[in-house]
PDB file of N, CA and C in Angstrom:
ATOM      1  N   MET A   1      30.104   6.459   4.471  1.00  0.00           N
ATOM      2  CA  MET A   1      30.438   5.607   3.410  1.00  0.00           C
ATOM      3  C   MET A   1      30.158   4.273   3.787  1.00  0.00           C
ATOM      4  N   VAL A   2      29.783   3.384   2.865  1.00  0.00           N
ATOM      5  CA  VAL A   2      29.391   1.926   3.016  1.00  0.00           C
ATOM      6  C   VAL A   2      30.462   1.423   2.607  1.00  0.00           C
ATOM      7  N   LEU A   3      30.968   0.559   3.993  1.00  0.00           N
ATOM      8  CA  LEU A   3      32.111  -0.517   3.600  1.00  0.00           C
ATOM      9  C   LEU A   3      31.893  -1.911   3.298  1.00  0.00           C
ATOM     10  N   THR A   4      32.662  -2.681   2.776  1.00  0.00           N
ATOM     11  CA  THR A   4      32.118  -3.990   2.340  1.00  0.00           C
ATOM     12  C   THR A   4      32.561  -5.030   3.923  1.00  0.00           C
ATOM     13  N   ALA A   5      31.804  -6.179   3.778  1.00  0.00           N
ATOM     14  CA  ALA A   5      32.381  -7.020   4.752  1.00  0.00           C
ATOM     15  C   ALA A   5      33.588  -7.321   4.617  1.00  0.00           C
ATOM     16  N   LYS A   6      34.104  -7.425   3.612  1.00  0.00           N
ATOM     17  CA  LYS A   6      35.424  -7.961   3.023  1.00  0.00           C
ATOM     18  C   LYS A   6      36.546  -6.672   3.607  1.00  0.00           C
ATOM     19  N   GLN A   7      36.253  -5.536   3.540  1.00  0.00           N
ATOM     20  CA  GLN A   7      36.940  -4.571   3.547  1.00  0.00           C
ATOM     21  C   GLN A   7      37.284  -4.491   5.673  1.00  0.00           C
ATOM     22  N   VAL A   8      35.831  -4.706   5.883  1.00  0.00           N
ATOM     23  CA  VAL A   8      35.986  -4.525   7.581  1.00  0.00           C
ATOM     24  C   VAL A   8      36.934  -5.748   8.276  1.00  0.00           C
ATOM     25  N   LEU A   9      36.648  -6.605   7.413  1.00  0.00           N
ATOM     26  CA  LEU A   9      37.241  -8.127   7.924  1.00  0.00           C
ATOM     27  C   LEU A   9      38.880  -7.781   7.846  1.00  0.00           C
ATOM     28  N   SER A  10      39.081  -7.173   6.797  1.00  0.00           N
ATOM     29  CA  SER A  10      40.595  -6.869   6.522  1.00  0.00           C
ATOM     30  C   SER A  10      41.114  -5.801   7.477  1.00  0.00           C
ATOM     31  N   GLU A  11      40.344  -4.803   7.856  1.00  0.00           N
ATOM     32  CA  GLU A  11      40.532  -3.900   8.881  1.00  0.00           C
ATOM     33  C   GLU A  11      40.632  -4.361  10.186  1.00  0.00           C
ATOM     34  N   ARG A  12      40.114  -5.349  10.696  1.00  0.00           N
ATOM     35  CA  ARG A  12      39.859  -5.898  11.749  1.00  0.00           C
ATOM     36  C   ARG A  12      41.033  -7.277  11.745  1.00  0.00           C
ATOM     37  N   GLY A  13      41.767  -7.372  10.973  1.00  0.00           N
ATOM     38  CA  GLY A  13      42.728  -8.311  10.877  1.00  0.00           C
ATOM     39  C   GLY A  13      42.344  -9.834  11.189  1.00  0.00           C
ATOM     40  N   MET A  14      41.012 -10.033  10.803  1.00  0.00           N
ATOM     41  CA  MET A  14      40.299 -11.156  11.110  1.00  0.00           C
ATOM     42  C   MET A  14      40.851 -12.030   9.617  1.00  0.00           C
ATOM     43  N   SER A  15      40.673 -13.371  10.003  1.00  0.00           N
ATOM     44  CA  SER A  15      40.739 -14.124   8.826  1.00  0.00           C
ATOM     45  C   SER A  15      39.093 -14.664   8.666  1.00  0.00           C
ATOM     46  N   GLN A  16      39.168 -15.216   7.086  1.00  0.00           N
ATOM     47  CA  GLN A  16      37.581 -15.527   6.582  1.00  0.00           C
ATOM     48  C   GLN A  16      37.289 -16.773   7.576  1.00  0.00           C
ATOM     49  N   GLY A  17      38.537 -17.514   7.885  1.00  0.00           N
ATOM     50  CA  GLY A  17      37.985 -18.867   8.471  1.00  0.00           C
ATOM     51  C   GLY A  17      37.667 -18.605   9.972  1.00  0.00           C
ATOM     52  N   ALA A  18      38.298 -17.539  10.426  1.00  0.00           N
ATOM     53  CA  ALA A  18      38.033 -17.074  11.953  1.00  0.00           C
ATOM     54  C   ALA A  18      36.490 -16.700  11.776  1.00  0.00           C
ATOM     55  N   LEU A  19      36.268 -15.838  10.790  1.00  0.00           N
ATOM     56  CA  LEU A  19      34.706 -15.544  10.923  1.00  0.00           C
ATOM     57  C   LEU A  19      33.606 -16.493  10.578  1.00  0.00           C
ATOM     58  N   ALA A  20      34.472 -17.285   9.784  1.00  0.00           N
ATOM     59  CA  ALA A  20      33.351 -18.433   9.419  1.00  0.00           C
ATOM     60  C   ALA A  20      33.046 -19.187  10.683  1.00  0.00           C
ATOM     61  N   ARG A  21      34.279 -19.349  11.585  1.00  0.00           N
ATOM     62  CA  ARG A  21      33.656 -20.155  12.926  1.00  0.00           C
ATOM     63  C   ARG A  21      32.880 -19.319  13.712  1.00  0.00           C
ATOM     64  N   LEU A  22      33.196 -18.161  13.661  1.00  0.00           N
ATOM     65  CA  LEU A  22      32.343 -17.227  14.682  1.00  0.00           C
ATOM     66  C   LEU A  22      31.071 -17.250  14.565  1.00  0.00           C
ATOM     67  N   VAL A  23      30.621 -17.493  13.056  1.00  0.00           N
ATOM     68  CA  VAL A  23      29.008 -17.052  12.751  1.00  0.00           C
ATOM     69  C   VAL A  23      28.894 -18.724  12.454  1.00  0.00           C
ATOM     70  N   GLY A  24      29.588 -19.599  12.669  1.00  0.00           N
ATOM     71  CA  GLY A  24      28.799 -21.040  12.599  1.00  0.00           C
ATOM     72  C   GLY A  24      28.603 -21.705  11.047  1.00  0.00           C
ATOM     73  N   ILE A  25      29.814 -21.187  10.135  1.00  0.00           N
ATOM     74  CA  ILE A  25      29.729 -21.706   8.777  1.00  0.00           C
ATOM     75  C   ILE A  25      30.938 -22.110   8.364  1.00  0.00           C
ATOM     76  N   GLY A  26      30.933 -22.655   7.396  1.00  0.00           N
ATOM     77  CA  GLY A  26      32.307 -23.207   6.700  1.00  0.00           C
ATOM     78  C   GLY A  26      32.849 -22.246   5.944  1.00  0.00           C
ATOM     79  N   ASP A  27      34.158 -22.238   5.671  1.00  0.00           N
ATOM     80  CA  ASP A  27      35.193 -21.382   4.890  1.00  0.00           C
ATOM     81  C   ASP A  27      34.378 -21.271   3.663  1.00  0.00           C
ATOM     82  N   ALA A  28      34.111 -22.153   2.754  1.00  0.00           N
ATOM     83  CA  ALA A  28      34.022 -21.872   1.591  1.00  0.00           C
ATOM     84  C   ALA A  28      32.435 -21.265   1.275  1.00  0.00           C
ATOM     85  N   HIS A  29      31.953 -21.134   2.250  1.00  0.00           N
ATOM     86  CA  HIS A  29      30.598 -20.369   2.592  1.00  0.00           C
ATOM     87  C   HIS A  29      30.664 -19.002   2.700  1.00  0.00           C
ATOM     88  N   ILE A  30      31.774 -18.671   3.707  1.00  0.00           N
ATOM     89  CA  ILE A  30      32.159 -17.457   4.000  1.00  0.00           C
ATOM     90  C   ILE A  30      32.500 -16.903   2.981  1.00  0.00           C
ATOM     91  N   ASN A  31      33.511 -17.760   2.018  1.00  0.00           N
ATOM     92  CA  ASN A  31      34.003 -17.047   0.887  1.00  0.00           C
ATOM     93  C   ASN A  31      33.536 -16.350  -0.168  1.00  0.00           C
ATOM     94  N   LYS A  32      32.026 -17.351  -0.615  1.00  0.00           N
ATOM     95  CA  LYS A  32      31.294 -16.915  -1.368  1.00  0.00           C
ATOM     96  C   LYS A  32      30.479 -15.840  -1.282  1.00  0.00           C
ATOM     97  N   ILE A  33      30.212 -15.948   0.104  1.00  0.00           N
ATOM     98  CA  ILE A  33      29.567 -14.332   0.582  1.00  0.00           C
ATOM     99  C   ILE A  33      30.412 -13.102   0.635  1.00  0.00           C
ATOM    100  N   LEU A  34      31.573 -13.474   0.925  1.00  0.00           N
ATOM    101  CA  LEU A  34      32.149 -11.974   0.966  1.00  0.00           C
ATOM    102  C   LEU A  34      32.727 -11.678  -0.583  1.00  0.00           C
ATOM    103  N   ASN A  35      32.649 -12.738  -1.387  1.00  0.00           N
ATOM    104  CA  ASN A  35      32.661 -12.322  -2.817  1.00  0.00           C
ATOM    105  C   ASN A  35      31.763 -12.339  -3.740  1.00  0.00           C
ATOM    106  N   GLY A  36      30.608 -11.946  -3.091  1.00  0.00           N
ATOM    107  CA  GLY A  36      29.397 -11.982  -3.516  1.00  0.00           C
ATOM    108  C   GLY A  36      28.657 -12.787  -4.860  1.00  0.00           C
ATOM    109  N   LYS A  37      29.421 -14.067  -4.391  1.00  0.00           N
ATOM    110  CA  LYS A  37      28.868 -14.975  -5.013  1.00  0.00           C
ATOM    111  C   LYS A  37      27.460 -15.819  -4.625  1.00  0.00           C
ATOM    112  N   THR A  38      27.243 -15.632  -3.528  1.00  0.00           N
ATOM    113  CA  THR A  38      26.070 -16.075  -2.803  1.00  0.00           C
ATOM    114  C   THR A  38      25.392 -14.800  -1.766  1.00  0.00           C
ATOM    115  N   ARG A  39      24.350 -15.093  -1.332  1.00  0.00           N
ATOM    116  CA  ARG A  39      23.841 -14.066  -0.457  1.00  0.00           C
ATOM    117  C   ARG A  39      23.532 -14.890   0.555  1.00  0.00           C
ATOM    118  N   PRO A  40      23.730 -14.258   2.086  1.00  0.00           N
ATOM    119  CA  PRO A  40      23.544 -14.970   3.309  1.00  0.00           C
ATOM    120  C   PRO A  40      21.883 -14.676   3.564  1.00  0.00           C
ATOM    121  N   THR A  41      21.196 -15.289   4.556  1.00  0.00           N
ATOM    122  CA  THR A  41      20.136 -15.011   4.993  1.00  0.00           C
ATOM    123  C   THR A  41      20.084 -13.956   5.582  1.00  0.00           C
ATOM    124  N   LEU A  42      19.037 -13.337   6.265  1.00  0.00           N
ATOM    125  CA  LEU A  42      19.032 -12.043   6.530  1.00  0.00           C
ATOM    126  C   LEU A  42      19.603 -12.264   8.216  1.00  0.00           C
ATOM    127  N   ASP A  43      19.346 -13.387   8.987  1.00  0.00           N
ATOM    128  CA  ASP A  43      19.992 -13.877   9.957  1.00  0.00           C
ATOM    129  C   ASP A  43      21.296 -14.071  10.004  1.00  0.00           C
ATOM    130  N   LEU A  44      21.940 -14.736   8.990  1.00  0.00           N
ATOM    131  CA  LEU A  44      23.428 -14.765   8.692  1.00  0.00           C
ATOM    132  C   LEU A  44      23.927 -13.442   8.655  1.00  0.00           C
ATOM    133  N   ALA A  45      23.635 -12.779   7.634  1.00  0.00           N
ATOM    134  CA  ALA A  45      23.939 -11.426   7.212  1.00  0.00           C
ATOM    135  C   ALA A  45      24.012 -10.654   8.865  1.00  0.00           C
ATOM    136  N   MET A  46      23.338 -10.813   9.714  1.00  0.00           N
ATOM    137  CA  MET A  46      23.326 -10.040  11.100  1.00  0.00           C
ATOM    138  C   MET A  46      24.056 -10.531  12.210  1.00  0.00           C
ATOM    139  N   ARG A  47      24.532 -11.932  11.865  1.00  0.00           N
ATOM    140  CA  ARG A  47      25.762 -12.291  12.690  1.00  0.00           C
ATOM    141  C   ARG A  47      26.857 -12.020  11.934  1.00  0.00           C
ATOM    142  N   ILE A  48      27.114 -12.070  10.971  1.00  0.00           N
ATOM    143  CA  ILE A  48      28.269 -11.629  10.017  1.00  0.00           C
ATOM    144  C   ILE A  48      28.752 -10.027  10.774  1.00  0.00           C
ATOM    145  N   ALA A  49      27.590  -9.340  10.836  1.00  0.00           N
ATOM    146  CA  ALA A  49      27.605  -7.821  11.246  1.00  0.00           C
ATOM    147  C   ALA A  49      28.367  -7.884  12.681  1.00  0.00           C
ATOM    148  N   HIS A  50      27.469  -8.660  13.352  1.00  0.00           N
ATOM    149  CA  HIS A  50      27.663  -8.457  14.708  1.00  0.00           C
ATOM    150  C   HIS A  50      29.286  -9.125  15.209  1.00  0.00           C
ATOM    151  N   ALA A  51      29.709 -10.239  14.391  1.00  0.00           N
ATOM    152  CA  ALA A  51      31.314 -10.741  14.635  1.00  0.00           C
ATOM    153  C   ALA A  51      31.890  -9.741  13.965  1.00  0.00           C
ATOM    154  N   LEU A  52      31.760  -9.035  13.323  1.00  0.00           N
ATOM    155  CA  LEU A  52      32.802  -7.520  13.048  1.00  0.00           C
ATOM    156  C   LEU A  52      32.425  -6.437  13.775  1.00  0.00           C
ATOM    157  N   GLY A  53      31.700  -6.052  14.641  1.00  0.00           N
ATOM    158  CA  GLY A  53      31.453  -5.207  15.471  1.00  0.00           C
ATOM    159  C   GLY A  53      30.556  -4.209  14.537  1.00  0.00           C
ATOM    160  N   ALA A  54      29.581  -4.560  13.674  1.00  0.00           N
ATOM    161  CA  ALA A  54      29.438  -3.138  12.496  1.00  0.00           C
ATOM    162  C   ALA A  54      27.690  -3.706  12.666  1.00  0.00           C
ATOM    163  N   THR A  55      27.204  -3.176  11.899  1.00  0.00           N
ATOM    164  CA  THR A  55      25.759  -3.357  11.455  1.00  0.00           C
ATOM    165  C   THR A  55      25.576  -3.994  10.275  1.00  0.00           C
ATOM    166  N   VAL A  56      24.297  -4.119   9.735  1.00  0.00           N
ATOM    167  CA  VAL A  56      24.202  -4.817   8.427  1.00  0.00           C
ATOM    168  C   VAL A  56      24.239  -3.768   7.217  1.00  0.00           C
ATOM    169  N   GLU A  57      23.604  -2.533   8.026  1.00  0.00           N
ATOM    170  CA  GLU A  57      23.753  -1.347   6.662  1.00  0.00           C
ATOM    171  C   GLU A  57      25.186  -0.607   6.575  1.00  0.00           C
ATOM    172  N   GLU A  58      25.746  -1.066   7.615  1.00  0.00           N
ATOM    173  CA  GLU A  58      27.514  -0.343   7.527  1.00  0.00           C
ATOM    174  C   GLU A  58      28.269  -1.436   6.525  1.00  0.00           C
ATOM    175  N   LEU A  59      27.854  -2.685   6.418  1.00  0.00           N
ATOM    176  CA  LEU A  59      28.503  -3.586   5.385  1.00  0.00           C
ATOM    177  C   LEU A  59      28.116  -3.545   4.073  1.00  0.00           C
ATOM    178  N   TRP A  60      26.614  -3.273   4.145  1.00  0.00           N
ATOM    179  CA  TRP A  60      26.020  -3.504   2.792  1.00  0.00           C
ATOM    180  C   TRP A  60      25.188  -2.243   2.468  1.00  0.00           C
ATOM    181  N   SER A  61      25.365  -1.542   1.368  1.00  0.00           N
ATOM    182  CA  SER A  61      24.298  -0.517   1.014  1.00  0.00           C
ATOM    183  C   SER A  61      22.695  -1.112   0.846  1.00  0.00           C
ATOM    184  N   SER A  62      21.766  -0.046   1.337  1.00  0.00           N
ATOM    185  CA  SER A  62      20.323  -0.798   1.288  1.00  0.00           C
ATOM    186  C   SER A  62      19.918  -1.252  -0.012  1.00  0.00           C
ATOM    187  N   ASP A  63      20.804  -0.925  -1.225  1.00  0.00           N
ATOM    188  CA  ASP A  63      19.978  -1.041  -2.480  1.00  0.00           C
ATOM    189  C   ASP A  63      20.944  -2.616  -2.820  1.00  0.00           C
ATOM    190  N   ASN A  64      21.650  -2.809  -2.099  1.00  0.00           N
ATOM    191  CA  ASN A  64      22.342  -4.044  -2.567  1.00  0.00           C
ATOM    192  C   ASN A  64      22.339  -4.943  -1.053  1.00  0.00           C
ATOM    193  N   LEU A  65      21.296  -5.034  -0.340  1.00  0.00           N
ATOM    194  CA  LEU A  65      21.614  -5.817   0.929  1.00  0.00           C
ATOM    195  C   LEU A  65      21.727  -7.279   0.441  1.00  0.00           C
ATOM    196  N   PRO A  66      22.367  -8.052   1.326  1.00  0.00           N
ATOM    197  CA  PRO A  66      22.899  -9.327   0.911  1.00  0.00           C
ATOM    198  C   PRO A  66      22.049 -10.335   1.521  1.00  0.00           C
ATOM    199  N   VAL A  67      20.582  -9.998   1.086  1.00  0.00           N
ATOM    200  CA  VAL A  67      19.443 -10.941   1.598  1.00  0.00           C
ATOM    201  C   VAL A  67      18.894 -11.809   0.951  1.00  0.00           C
ATOM    202  N   SER A  68      19.116 -12.998   0.739  1.00  0.00           N
ATOM    203  CA  SER A  68      18.185 -14.230   0.169  1.00  0.00           C
ATOM    204  C   SER A  68      16.665 -13.875  -0.292  1.00  0.00           C
ATOM    205  N   GLU A  69      16.251 -14.417  -1.412  1.00  0.00           N
ATOM    206  CA  GLU A  69      14.952 -13.948  -2.144  1.00  0.00           C
ATOM    207  C   GLU A  69      13.916 -14.306  -0.677  1.00  0.00           C
ATOM    208  N   GLN A  70      14.088 -15.484   0.036  1.00  0.00           N
ATOM    209  CA  GLN A  70      13.211 -15.699   0.856  1.00  0.00           C
ATOM    210  C   GLN A  70      13.033 -14.365   2.166  1.00  0.00           C
ATOM    211  N   ASP A  71      14.081 -13.795   2.369  1.00  0.00           N
ATOM    212  CA  ASP A  71      13.880 -12.758   3.328  1.00  0.00           C
ATOM    213  C   ASP A  71      13.952 -11.544   3.002  1.00  0.00           C
ATOM    214  N   GLN A  72      13.665 -11.467   1.515  1.00  0.00           N
ATOM    215  CA  GLN A  72      13.437 -10.181   1.192  1.00  0.00           C
ATOM    216  C   GLN A  72      11.763  -9.374   1.679  1.00  0.00           C
ATOM    217  N   GLU A  73      11.091 -10.218   1.634  1.00  0.00           N
ATOM    218  CA  GLU A  73       9.524 -10.110   1.941  1.00  0.00           C
ATOM    219  C   GLU A  73       9.764  -9.580   3.315  1.00  0.00           C
ATOM    220  N   LYS A  74      10.420 -10.099   4.394  1.00  0.00           N
ATOM    221  CA  LYS A  74      10.649 -10.034   5.878  1.00  0.00           C
ATOM    222  C   LYS A  74      11.207  -8.692   5.642  1.00  0.00           C
ATOM    223  N   VAL A  75      12.196  -8.175   4.873  1.00  0.00           N
ATOM    224  CA  VAL A  75      12.809  -7.023   5.160  1.00  0.00           C
ATOM    225  C   VAL A  75      11.915  -5.906   4.701  1.00  0.00           C
ATOM    226  N   LYS A  76      10.961  -6.033   3.345  1.00  0.00           N
ATOM    227  CA  LYS A  76      10.001  -5.052   3.183  1.00  0.00           C
ATOM    228  C   LYS A  76       8.915  -4.888   4.051  1.00  0.00           C
ATOM    229  N   ILE A  77       8.342  -6.206   4.770  1.00  0.00           N
ATOM    230  CA  ILE A  77       7.714  -5.923   5.814  1.00  0.00           C
ATOM    231  C   ILE A  77       8.026  -4.947   7.080  1.00  0.00           C
ATOM    232  N   SER A  78       9.455  -5.320   7.334  1.00  0.00           N
ATOM    233  CA  SER A  78       9.782  -4.612   8.751  1.00  0.00           C
ATOM    234  C   SER A  78      10.333  -3.158   8.247  1.00  0.00           C
ATOM    235  N   VAL A  79      10.505  -2.979   7.102  1.00  0.00           N
ATOM    236  CA  VAL A  79      10.430  -1.307   6.784  1.00  0.00           C
ATOM    237  C   VAL A  79       9.417  -0.642   6.510  1.00  0.00           C
ATOM    238  N   ILE A  80       8.304  -1.308   5.944  1.00  0.00           N
ATOM    239  CA  ILE A  80       7.112  -0.601   6.247  1.00  0.00           C
ATOM    240  C   ILE A  80       6.524  -0.106   7.319  1.00  0.00           C
TER     241      ILE A  80
END
């Protein structure tokens, strides 16, 4: 079962603000990511996963990885 980052955040009892500080971004930016309004870079997705004690794969399905367009090629290359 794939959990969303927002679900894991809630399960950990962590606020969005605390997560934002852990990964080095602003509260508004983390809110947009967690609500699906923007996609983080691959690096940021990995930092979010690490901060939540999870993997990117656990937080986002492989069909809906939160990877920006500039990082999509990196993901394709690393999978091949």
